[in-house]
Full PDB file with SEQRES, HELIX, SHEET, SSBOND, CRYST1, ORIGX, SCALE, CONECT and MASTER records, all heavy atoms in Angstrom:
SEQRES   1 A   31  GLY ARG TYR TRP GLY CYS THR GLU HIS ARG PRO MET LEU          
SEQRES   2 A   31  HIS PHE GLU THR CYS TYR TYR GLN ALA ILE ASP TYR ALA          
SEQRES   3 A   31  ILE ALA HIS ASP LEU                                          
HELIX    1 AA1 LEU A   13  PHE A   15  1                                   3    
HELIX    2 AA2 GLU A   16  TYR A   20  3                                   5    
HELIX    3 AA3 GLN A   21  ALA A   28  1                                   8    
CRYST1    1.000    1.000    1.000  90.00  90.00  90.00 P 1           1          
ORIGX1      1.000000  0.000000  0.000000        0.00000                         
ORIGX2      0.000000  1.000000  0.000000        0.00000                         
ORIGX3      0.000000  0.000000  1.000000        0.00000                         
SCALE1      1.000000  0.000000  0.000000        0.00000                         
SCALE2      0.000000  1.000000  0.000000        0.00000                         
SCALE3      0.000000  0.000000  1.000000        0.00000                         
ATOM      1  N   GLY A   1    -106.057 -14.389   7.266  1.00  0.00           N  
ATOM      2  CA  GLY A   1    -104.631 -14.495   7.282  1.00  0.00           C  
ATOM      3  C   GLY A   1    -103.990 -13.549   6.330  1.00  0.00           C  
ATOM      4  O   GLY A   1    -104.331 -13.497   5.166  1.00  0.00           O  
ATOM      5  N   ARG A   2    -102.984 -12.726   6.820  1.00  0.00           N  
ATOM      6  CA  ARG A   2    -102.441 -11.789   5.928  1.00  0.00           C  
ATOM      7  C   ARG A   2    -100.927 -12.036   5.619  1.00  0.00           C  
ATOM      8  O   ARG A   2    -100.533 -12.162   4.495  1.00  0.00           O  
ATOM      9  CB  ARG A   2    -102.590 -10.385   6.545  1.00  0.00           C  
ATOM     10  CG  ARG A   2    -104.049  -9.898   6.640  1.00  0.00           C  
ATOM     11  CD  ARG A   2    -104.633  -9.300   5.395  1.00  0.00           C  
ATOM     12  NE  ARG A   2    -104.145  -9.682   4.118  1.00  0.00           N  
ATOM     13  CZ  ARG A   2    -104.654 -10.680   3.375  1.00  0.00           C  
ATOM     14  NH1 ARG A   2    -105.617 -11.442   3.880  1.00  0.00           N  
ATOM     15  NH2 ARG A   2    -104.107 -11.001   2.257  1.00  0.00           N  
ATOM     16  N   TYR A   3    -100.074 -12.005   6.598  1.00  0.00           N  
ATOM     17  CA  TYR A   3     -98.639 -12.020   6.372  1.00  0.00           C  
ATOM     18  C   TYR A   3     -98.063 -13.104   7.275  1.00  0.00           C  
ATOM     19  O   TYR A   3     -98.541 -13.398   8.395  1.00  0.00           O  
ATOM     20  CB  TYR A   3     -97.956 -10.707   6.602  1.00  0.00           C  
ATOM     21  CG  TYR A   3     -98.625  -9.606   5.783  1.00  0.00           C  
ATOM     22  CD1 TYR A   3     -99.378  -8.608   6.375  1.00  0.00           C  
ATOM     23  CD2 TYR A   3     -98.411  -9.548   4.399  1.00  0.00           C  
ATOM     24  CE1 TYR A   3     -99.948  -7.654   5.647  1.00  0.00           C  
ATOM     25  CE2 TYR A   3     -99.020  -8.575   3.653  1.00  0.00           C  
ATOM     26  CZ  TYR A   3     -99.758  -7.558   4.279  1.00  0.00           C  
ATOM     27  OH  TYR A   3    -100.374  -6.625   3.555  1.00  0.00           O  
ATOM     28  N   TRP A   4     -96.900 -13.642   6.837  1.00  0.00           N  
ATOM     29  CA  TRP A   4     -96.181 -14.628   7.696  1.00  0.00           C  
ATOM     30  C   TRP A   4     -94.713 -14.555   7.330  1.00  0.00           C  
ATOM     31  O   TRP A   4     -94.289 -14.055   6.254  1.00  0.00           O  
ATOM     32  CB  TRP A   4     -96.745 -16.012   7.479  1.00  0.00           C  
ATOM     33  CG  TRP A   4     -95.789 -16.989   6.844  1.00  0.00           C  
ATOM     34  CD1 TRP A   4     -95.384 -17.110   5.513  1.00  0.00           C  
ATOM     35  CD2 TRP A   4     -95.012 -17.994   7.531  1.00  0.00           C  
ATOM     36  NE1 TRP A   4     -94.472 -18.086   5.334  1.00  0.00           N  
ATOM     37  CE2 TRP A   4     -94.223 -18.658   6.554  1.00  0.00           C  
ATOM     38  CE3 TRP A   4     -94.912 -18.407   8.853  1.00  0.00           C  
ATOM     39  CZ2 TRP A   4     -93.332 -19.661   6.844  1.00  0.00           C  
ATOM     40  CZ3 TRP A   4     -94.070 -19.403   9.138  1.00  0.00           C  
ATOM     41  CH2 TRP A   4     -93.289 -20.057   8.183  1.00  0.00           C  
ATOM     42  N   GLY A   5     -93.906 -15.108   8.206  1.00  0.00           N  
ATOM     43  CA  GLY A   5     -92.418 -15.202   7.877  1.00  0.00           C  
ATOM     44  C   GLY A   5     -91.753 -15.975   9.005  1.00  0.00           C  
ATOM     45  O   GLY A   5     -92.334 -16.308  10.059  1.00  0.00           O  
ATOM     46  N   CYS A   6     -90.461 -16.289   8.791  1.00  0.00           N  
ATOM     47  CA  CYS A   6     -89.748 -17.047   9.822  1.00  0.00           C  
ATOM     48  C   CYS A   6     -88.244 -16.705   9.675  1.00  0.00           C  
ATOM     49  O   CYS A   6     -87.836 -16.197   8.656  1.00  0.00           O  
ATOM     50  CB  CYS A   6     -89.950 -18.520   9.686  1.00  0.00           C  
ATOM     51  SG  CYS A   6     -89.396 -19.231   8.107  1.00  0.00           S  
ATOM     52  N   THR A   7     -87.530 -16.954  10.761  1.00  0.00           N  
ATOM     53  CA  THR A   7     -86.096 -16.860  10.727  1.00  0.00           C  
ATOM     54  C   THR A   7     -85.404 -18.201  10.791  1.00  0.00           C  
ATOM     55  O   THR A   7     -84.166 -18.324  10.740  1.00  0.00           O  
ATOM     56  CB  THR A   7     -85.558 -15.991  11.860  1.00  0.00           C  
ATOM     57  OG1 THR A   7     -86.086 -16.468  13.097  1.00  0.00           O  
ATOM     58  CG2 THR A   7     -85.995 -14.557  11.611  1.00  0.00           C  
ATOM     59  N   GLU A   8     -86.223 -19.255  11.056  1.00  0.00           N  
ATOM     60  CA  GLU A   8     -85.704 -20.647  11.175  1.00  0.00           C  
ATOM     61  C   GLU A   8     -86.663 -21.506  10.460  1.00  0.00           C  
ATOM     62  O   GLU A   8     -87.834 -21.643  10.741  1.00  0.00           O  
ATOM     63  CB  GLU A   8     -85.589 -20.994  12.648  1.00  0.00           C  
ATOM     64  CG  GLU A   8     -84.902 -22.401  12.810  1.00  0.00           C  
ATOM     65  CD  GLU A   8     -84.770 -22.730  14.288  1.00  0.00           C  
ATOM     66  OE1 GLU A   8     -84.514 -21.800  15.123  1.00  0.00           O  
ATOM     67  OE2 GLU A   8     -84.982 -23.935  14.624  1.00  0.00           O  
ATOM     68  N   HIS A   9     -86.204 -22.126   9.357  1.00  0.00           N  
ATOM     69  CA  HIS A   9     -87.054 -22.987   8.555  1.00  0.00           C  
ATOM     70  C   HIS A   9     -87.142 -24.420   9.108  1.00  0.00           C  
ATOM     71  O   HIS A   9     -86.100 -25.060   9.343  1.00  0.00           O  
ATOM     72  CB  HIS A   9     -86.549 -23.026   7.120  1.00  0.00           C  
ATOM     73  CG  HIS A   9     -86.506 -21.694   6.430  1.00  0.00           C  
ATOM     74  ND1 HIS A   9     -87.684 -21.178   5.812  1.00  0.00           N  
ATOM     75  CD2 HIS A   9     -85.605 -20.763   6.340  1.00  0.00           C  
ATOM     76  CE1 HIS A   9     -87.398 -19.989   5.311  1.00  0.00           C  
ATOM     77  NE2 HIS A   9     -86.161 -19.688   5.630  1.00  0.00           N  
ATOM     78  N   ARG A  10     -88.373 -24.802   9.390  1.00  0.00           N  
ATOM     79  CA  ARG A  10     -88.566 -26.169   9.880  1.00  0.00           C  
ATOM     80  C   ARG A  10     -89.744 -26.779   9.044  1.00  0.00           C  
ATOM     81  O   ARG A  10     -90.604 -26.108   8.487  1.00  0.00           O  
ATOM     82  CB  ARG A  10     -89.067 -26.108  11.369  1.00  0.00           C  
ATOM     83  CG  ARG A  10     -87.954 -25.593  12.301  1.00  0.00           C  
ATOM     84  CD  ARG A  10     -88.337 -25.865  13.719  1.00  0.00           C  
ATOM     85  NE  ARG A  10     -87.372 -25.350  14.680  1.00  0.00           N  
ATOM     86  CZ  ARG A  10     -87.373 -25.655  15.948  1.00  0.00           C  
ATOM     87  NH1 ARG A  10     -88.286 -26.487  16.423  1.00  0.00           N  
ATOM     88  NH2 ARG A  10     -86.495 -25.117  16.727  1.00  0.00           N  
ATOM     89  N   PRO A  11     -89.728 -28.131   8.976  1.00  0.00           N  
ATOM     90  CA  PRO A  11     -90.760 -28.775   8.142  1.00  0.00           C  
ATOM     91  C   PRO A  11     -92.182 -28.413   8.695  1.00  0.00           C  
ATOM     92  O   PRO A  11     -92.464 -28.459   9.852  1.00  0.00           O  
ATOM     93  CB  PRO A  11     -90.450 -30.285   8.395  1.00  0.00           C  
ATOM     94  CG  PRO A  11     -88.969 -30.318   8.739  1.00  0.00           C  
ATOM     95  CD  PRO A  11     -88.758 -29.050   9.509  1.00  0.00           C  
ATOM     96  N   MET A  12     -93.039 -28.060   7.771  1.00  0.00           N  
ATOM     97  CA  MET A  12     -94.469 -27.834   8.064  1.00  0.00           C  
ATOM     98  C   MET A  12     -94.780 -26.626   8.894  1.00  0.00           C  
ATOM     99  O   MET A  12     -95.884 -26.437   9.274  1.00  0.00           O  
ATOM    100  CB  MET A  12     -95.177 -29.136   8.607  1.00  0.00           C  
ATOM    101  CG  MET A  12     -94.850 -30.413   7.922  1.00  0.00           C  
ATOM    102  SD  MET A  12     -95.337 -30.338   6.228  1.00  0.00           S  
ATOM    103  CE  MET A  12     -94.641 -31.869   5.613  1.00  0.00           C  
ATOM    104  N   LEU A  13     -93.759 -25.854   9.258  1.00  0.00           N  
ATOM    105  CA  LEU A  13     -93.971 -24.778  10.169  1.00  0.00           C  
ATOM    106  C   LEU A  13     -94.939 -23.664   9.525  1.00  0.00           C  
ATOM    107  O   LEU A  13     -95.788 -23.144  10.229  1.00  0.00           O  
ATOM    108  CB  LEU A  13     -92.618 -24.078  10.448  1.00  0.00           C  
ATOM    109  CG  LEU A  13     -92.650 -22.926  11.462  1.00  0.00           C  
ATOM    110  CD1 LEU A  13     -93.294 -23.401  12.795  1.00  0.00           C  
ATOM    111  CD2 LEU A  13     -91.220 -22.397  11.704  1.00  0.00           C  
ATOM    112  N   HIS A  14     -94.807 -23.482   8.260  1.00  0.00           N  
ATOM    113  CA  HIS A  14     -95.749 -22.550   7.593  1.00  0.00           C  
ATOM    114  C   HIS A  14     -97.173 -22.979   7.676  1.00  0.00           C  
ATOM    115  O   HIS A  14     -98.083 -22.259   8.047  1.00  0.00           O  
ATOM    116  CB  HIS A  14     -95.393 -22.404   6.113  1.00  0.00           C  
ATOM    117  CG  HIS A  14     -96.284 -21.593   5.294  1.00  0.00           C  
ATOM    118  ND1 HIS A  14     -96.809 -21.958   4.052  1.00  0.00           N  
ATOM    119  CD2 HIS A  14     -96.830 -20.341   5.521  1.00  0.00           C  
ATOM    120  CE1 HIS A  14     -97.696 -21.030   3.622  1.00  0.00           C  
ATOM    121  NE2 HIS A  14     -97.682 -20.025   4.433  1.00  0.00           N  
ATOM    122  N   PHE A  15     -97.404 -24.273   7.421  1.00  0.00           N  
ATOM    123  CA  PHE A  15     -98.793 -24.784   7.512  1.00  0.00           C  
ATOM    124  C   PHE A  15     -99.336 -24.641   8.891  1.00  0.00           C  
ATOM    125  O   PHE A  15    -100.454 -24.281   9.132  1.00  0.00           O  
ATOM    126  CB  PHE A  15     -98.849 -26.267   7.101  1.00  0.00           C  
ATOM    127  CG  PHE A  15     -98.371 -26.529   5.652  1.00  0.00           C  
ATOM    128  CD1 PHE A  15     -97.699 -27.684   5.344  1.00  0.00           C  
ATOM    129  CD2 PHE A  15     -98.522 -25.545   4.710  1.00  0.00           C  
ATOM    130  CE1 PHE A  15     -97.268 -27.907   4.002  1.00  0.00           C  
ATOM    131  CE2 PHE A  15     -98.041 -25.769   3.387  1.00  0.00           C  
ATOM    132  CZ  PHE A  15     -97.419 -26.912   3.082  1.00  0.00           C  
ATOM    133  N   GLU A  16     -98.553 -25.002   9.916  1.00  0.00           N  
ATOM    134  CA  GLU A  16     -99.011 -24.931  11.289  1.00  0.00           C  
ATOM    135  C   GLU A  16     -99.333 -23.460  11.709  1.00  0.00           C  
ATOM    136  O   GLU A  16    -100.342 -23.169  12.259  1.00  0.00           O  
ATOM    137  CB  GLU A  16     -97.974 -25.516  12.204  1.00  0.00           C  
ATOM    138  CG  GLU A  16     -98.316 -25.425  13.691  1.00  0.00           C  
ATOM    139  CD  GLU A  16     -99.554 -26.284  14.082  1.00  0.00           C  
ATOM    140  OE1 GLU A  16     -99.817 -27.296  13.405  1.00  0.00           O  
ATOM    141  OE2 GLU A  16    -100.243 -25.870  15.012  1.00  0.00           O  
ATOM    142  N   THR A  17     -98.340 -22.541  11.421  1.00  0.00           N  
ATOM    143  CA  THR A  17     -98.466 -21.176  11.867  1.00  0.00           C  
ATOM    144  C   THR A  17     -99.616 -20.476  11.267  1.00  0.00           C  
ATOM    145  O   THR A  17    -100.362 -19.738  11.897  1.00  0.00           O  
ATOM    146  CB  THR A  17     -97.132 -20.489  11.685  1.00  0.00           C  
ATOM    147  OG1 THR A  17     -96.085 -21.212  12.269  1.00  0.00           O  
ATOM    148  CG2 THR A  17     -97.189 -19.124  12.345  1.00  0.00           C  
ATOM    149  N   CYS A  18     -99.725 -20.686   9.989  1.00  0.00           N  
ATOM    150  CA  CYS A  18    -100.731 -19.945   9.178  1.00  0.00           C  
ATOM    151  C   CYS A  18    -102.067 -20.563   9.068  1.00  0.00           C  
ATOM    152  O   CYS A  18    -103.134 -19.903   9.148  1.00  0.00           O  
ATOM    153  CB  CYS A  18    -100.196 -19.673   7.769  1.00  0.00           C  
ATOM    154  SG  CYS A  18     -98.757 -18.632   7.734  1.00  0.00           S  
ATOM    155  N   TYR A  19    -102.122 -21.906   8.903  1.00  0.00           N  
ATOM    156  CA  TYR A  19    -103.410 -22.584   8.605  1.00  0.00           C  
ATOM    157  C   TYR A  19    -104.030 -23.280   9.799  1.00  0.00           C  
ATOM    158  O   TYR A  19    -105.137 -23.050  10.155  1.00  0.00           O  
ATOM    159  CB  TYR A  19    -103.172 -23.607   7.430  1.00  0.00           C  
ATOM    160  CG  TYR A  19    -102.573 -23.061   6.215  1.00  0.00           C  
ATOM    161  CD1 TYR A  19    -101.743 -23.798   5.364  1.00  0.00           C  
ATOM    162  CD2 TYR A  19    -102.757 -21.670   5.886  1.00  0.00           C  
ATOM    163  CE1 TYR A  19    -101.199 -23.254   4.260  1.00  0.00           C  
ATOM    164  CE2 TYR A  19    -102.168 -21.149   4.710  1.00  0.00           C  
ATOM    165  CZ  TYR A  19    -101.365 -21.909   3.922  1.00  0.00           C  
ATOM    166  OH  TYR A  19    -100.819 -21.374   2.779  1.00  0.00           O  
ATOM    167  N   TYR A  20    -103.276 -24.166  10.456  1.00  0.00           N  
ATOM    168  CA  TYR A  20    -103.793 -24.912  11.559  1.00  0.00           C  
ATOM    169  C   TYR A  20    -104.043 -24.136  12.794  1.00  0.00           C  
ATOM    170  O   TYR A  20    -105.066 -24.283  13.456  1.00  0.00           O  
ATOM    171  CB  TYR A  20    -102.904 -26.141  11.851  1.00  0.00           C  
ATOM    172  CG  TYR A  20    -102.714 -27.050  10.648  1.00  0.00           C  
ATOM    173  CD1 TYR A  20    -101.522 -27.657  10.422  1.00  0.00           C  
ATOM    174  CD2 TYR A  20    -103.763 -27.295   9.752  1.00  0.00           C  
ATOM    175  CE1 TYR A  20    -101.296 -28.538   9.361  1.00  0.00           C  
ATOM    176  CE2 TYR A  20    -103.522 -28.157   8.705  1.00  0.00           C  
ATOM    177  CZ  TYR A  20    -102.286 -28.724   8.476  1.00  0.00           C  
ATOM    178  OH  TYR A  20    -102.122 -29.546   7.366  1.00  0.00           O  
ATOM    179  N   GLN A  21    -103.132 -23.193  13.112  1.00  0.00           N  
ATOM    180  CA  GLN A  21    -103.355 -22.355  14.251  1.00  0.00           C  
ATOM    181  C   GLN A  21    -104.550 -21.387  14.019  1.00  0.00           C  
ATOM    182  O   GLN A  21    -105.323 -21.059  14.927  1.00  0.00           O  
ATOM    183  CB  GLN A  21    -102.093 -21.507  14.555  1.00  0.00           C  
ATOM    184  CG  GLN A  21    -100.920 -22.263  15.158  1.00  0.00           C  
ATOM    185  CD  GLN A  21    -101.208 -22.781  16.506  1.00  0.00           C  
ATOM    186  OE1 GLN A  21    -101.751 -22.045  17.368  1.00  0.00           O  
ATOM    187  NE2 GLN A  21    -100.801 -23.961  16.846  1.00  0.00           N  
ATOM    188  N   ALA A  22    -104.712 -20.998  12.736  1.00  0.00           N  
ATOM    189  CA  ALA A  22    -105.910 -20.133  12.382  1.00  0.00           C  
ATOM    190  C   ALA A  22    -107.183 -20.920  12.584  1.00  0.00           C  
ATOM    191  O   ALA A  22    -108.163 -20.386  13.122  1.00  0.00           O  
ATOM    192  CB  ALA A  22    -105.737 -19.661  10.941  1.00  0.00           C  
ATOM    193  N   ILE A  23    -107.186 -22.205  12.165  1.00  0.00           N  
ATOM    194  CA  ILE A  23    -108.399 -23.067  12.375  1.00  0.00           C  
ATOM    195  C   ILE A  23    -108.697 -23.207  13.929  1.00  0.00           C  
ATOM    196  O   ILE A  23    -109.806 -23.123  14.313  1.00  0.00           O  
ATOM    197  CB  ILE A  23    -108.231 -24.377  11.709  1.00  0.00           C  
ATOM    198  CG1 ILE A  23    -108.195 -24.234  10.166  1.00  0.00           C  
ATOM    199  CG2 ILE A  23    -109.323 -25.388  12.113  1.00  0.00           C  
ATOM    200  CD1 ILE A  23    -107.830 -25.464   9.409  1.00  0.00           C  
ATOM    201  N   ASP A  24    -107.636 -23.482  14.676  1.00  0.00           N  
ATOM    202  CA  ASP A  24    -107.811 -23.571  16.079  1.00  0.00           C  
ATOM    203  C   ASP A  24    -108.472 -22.342  16.647  1.00  0.00           C  
ATOM    204  O   ASP A  24    -109.378 -22.386  17.463  1.00  0.00           O  
ATOM    205  CB  ASP A  24    -106.441 -23.735  16.790  1.00  0.00           C  
ATOM    206  CG  ASP A  24    -105.912 -25.160  16.719  1.00  0.00           C  
ATOM    207  OD1 ASP A  24    -106.707 -26.082  16.569  1.00  0.00           O  
ATOM    208  OD2 ASP A  24    -104.670 -25.323  16.878  1.00  0.00           O  
ATOM    209  N   TYR A  25    -107.988 -21.121  16.238  1.00  0.00           N  
ATOM    210  CA  TYR A  25    -108.548 -19.914  16.789  1.00  0.00           C  
ATOM    211  C   TYR A  25    -109.995 -19.748  16.349  1.00  0.00           C  
ATOM    212  O   TYR A  25    -110.859 -19.324  17.122  1.00  0.00           O  
ATOM    213  CB  TYR A  25    -107.696 -18.726  16.303  1.00  0.00           C  
ATOM    214  CG  TYR A  25    -108.090 -17.383  16.963  1.00  0.00           C  
ATOM    215  CD1 TYR A  25    -107.530 -16.942  18.142  1.00  0.00           C  
ATOM    216  CD2 TYR A  25    -109.073 -16.606  16.307  1.00  0.00           C  
ATOM    217  CE1 TYR A  25    -107.965 -15.779  18.727  1.00  0.00           C  
ATOM    218  CE2 TYR A  25    -109.450 -15.402  16.942  1.00  0.00           C  
ATOM    219  CZ  TYR A  25    -108.877 -14.995  18.094  1.00  0.00           C  
ATOM    220  OH  TYR A  25    -109.344 -13.856  18.694  1.00  0.00           O  
ATOM    221  N   ALA A  26    -110.256 -20.022  15.067  1.00  0.00           N  
ATOM    222  CA  ALA A  26    -111.615 -19.803  14.565  1.00  0.00           C  
ATOM    223  C   ALA A  26    -112.609 -20.720  15.303  1.00  0.00           C  
ATOM    224  O   ALA A  26    -113.709 -20.302  15.620  1.00  0.00           O  
ATOM    225  CB  ALA A  26    -111.646 -20.137  13.025  1.00  0.00           C  
ATOM    226  N   ILE A  27    -112.188 -21.938  15.546  1.00  0.00           N  
ATOM    227  CA  ILE A  27    -113.058 -22.875  16.244  1.00  0.00           C  
ATOM    228  C   ILE A  27    -113.304 -22.394  17.679  1.00  0.00           C  
ATOM    229  O   ILE A  27    -114.473 -22.349  18.160  1.00  0.00           O  
ATOM    230  CB  ILE A  27    -112.550 -24.254  16.276  1.00  0.00           C  
ATOM    231  CG1 ILE A  27    -112.591 -24.875  14.803  1.00  0.00           C  
ATOM    232  CG2 ILE A  27    -113.293 -25.198  17.219  1.00  0.00           C  
ATOM    233  CD1 ILE A  27    -111.862 -26.264  14.746  1.00  0.00           C  
ATOM    234  N   ALA A  28    -112.271 -21.929  18.332  1.00  0.00           N  
ATOM    235  CA  ALA A  28    -112.367 -21.500  19.754  1.00  0.00           C  
ATOM    236  C   ALA A  28    -113.208 -20.249  19.881  1.00  0.00           C  
ATOM    237  O   ALA A  28    -113.790 -19.997  20.900  1.00  0.00           O  
ATOM    238  CB  ALA A  28    -110.993 -21.287  20.281  1.00  0.00           C  
ATOM    239  N   HIS A  29    -113.282 -19.411  18.831  1.00  0.00           N  
ATOM    240  CA  HIS A  29    -113.944 -18.167  18.929  1.00  0.00           C  
ATOM    241  C   HIS A  29    -115.218 -18.092  17.995  1.00  0.00           C  
ATOM    242  O   HIS A  29    -115.670 -16.987  17.678  1.00  0.00           O  
ATOM    243  CB  HIS A  29    -113.006 -16.991  18.535  1.00  0.00           C  
ATOM    244  CG  HIS A  29    -111.901 -16.849  19.610  1.00  0.00           C  
ATOM    245  ND1 HIS A  29    -110.751 -17.627  19.576  1.00  0.00           N  
ATOM    246  CD2 HIS A  29    -111.755 -16.004  20.670  1.00  0.00           C  
ATOM    247  CE1 HIS A  29    -109.958 -17.259  20.543  1.00  0.00           C  
ATOM    248  NE2 HIS A  29    -110.576 -16.325  21.225  1.00  0.00           N  
ATOM    249  N   ASP A  30    -115.698 -19.261  17.577  1.00  0.00           N  
ATOM    250  CA  ASP A  30    -116.906 -19.361  16.792  1.00  0.00           C  
ATOM    251  C   ASP A  30    -116.934 -18.522  15.576  1.00  0.00           C  
ATOM    252  O   ASP A  30    -117.961 -17.852  15.221  1.00  0.00           O  
ATOM    253  CB  ASP A  30    -118.130 -18.966  17.659  1.00  0.00           C  
ATOM    254  CG  ASP A  30    -118.327 -19.957  18.834  1.00  0.00           C  
ATOM    255  OD1 ASP A  30    -118.158 -21.137  18.649  1.00  0.00           O  
ATOM    256  OD2 ASP A  30    -118.672 -19.484  19.991  1.00  0.00           O  
ATOM    257  N   LEU A  31    -115.807 -18.475  14.901  1.00  0.00           N  
ATOM    258  CA  LEU A  31    -115.703 -17.798  13.597  1.00  0.00           C  
ATOM    259  C   LEU A  31    -116.103 -18.783  12.454  1.00  0.00           C  
ATOM    260  O   LEU A  31    -115.742 -19.939  12.519  1.00  0.00           O  
ATOM    261  CB  LEU A  31    -114.323 -17.208  13.357  1.00  0.00           C  
ATOM    262  CG  LEU A  31    -113.876 -16.116  14.300  1.00  0.00           C  
ATOM    263  CD1 LEU A  31    -112.447 -15.723  14.052  1.00  0.00           C  
ATOM    264  CD2 LEU A  31    -114.835 -14.909  14.251  1.00  0.00           C  
TER     265      LEU A  31                                                      
MASTER        0    0    0    3    0    0    0    6  264    1    0    3          
END                                                                             
């Protein structure tokens, strides 16, 4: 994970976009 940002601030959006979605991708692609 390198960079992130948003134009609309929502609760937990940073955690979802950067951390949980990354875990989803890693699991799906055997990383």
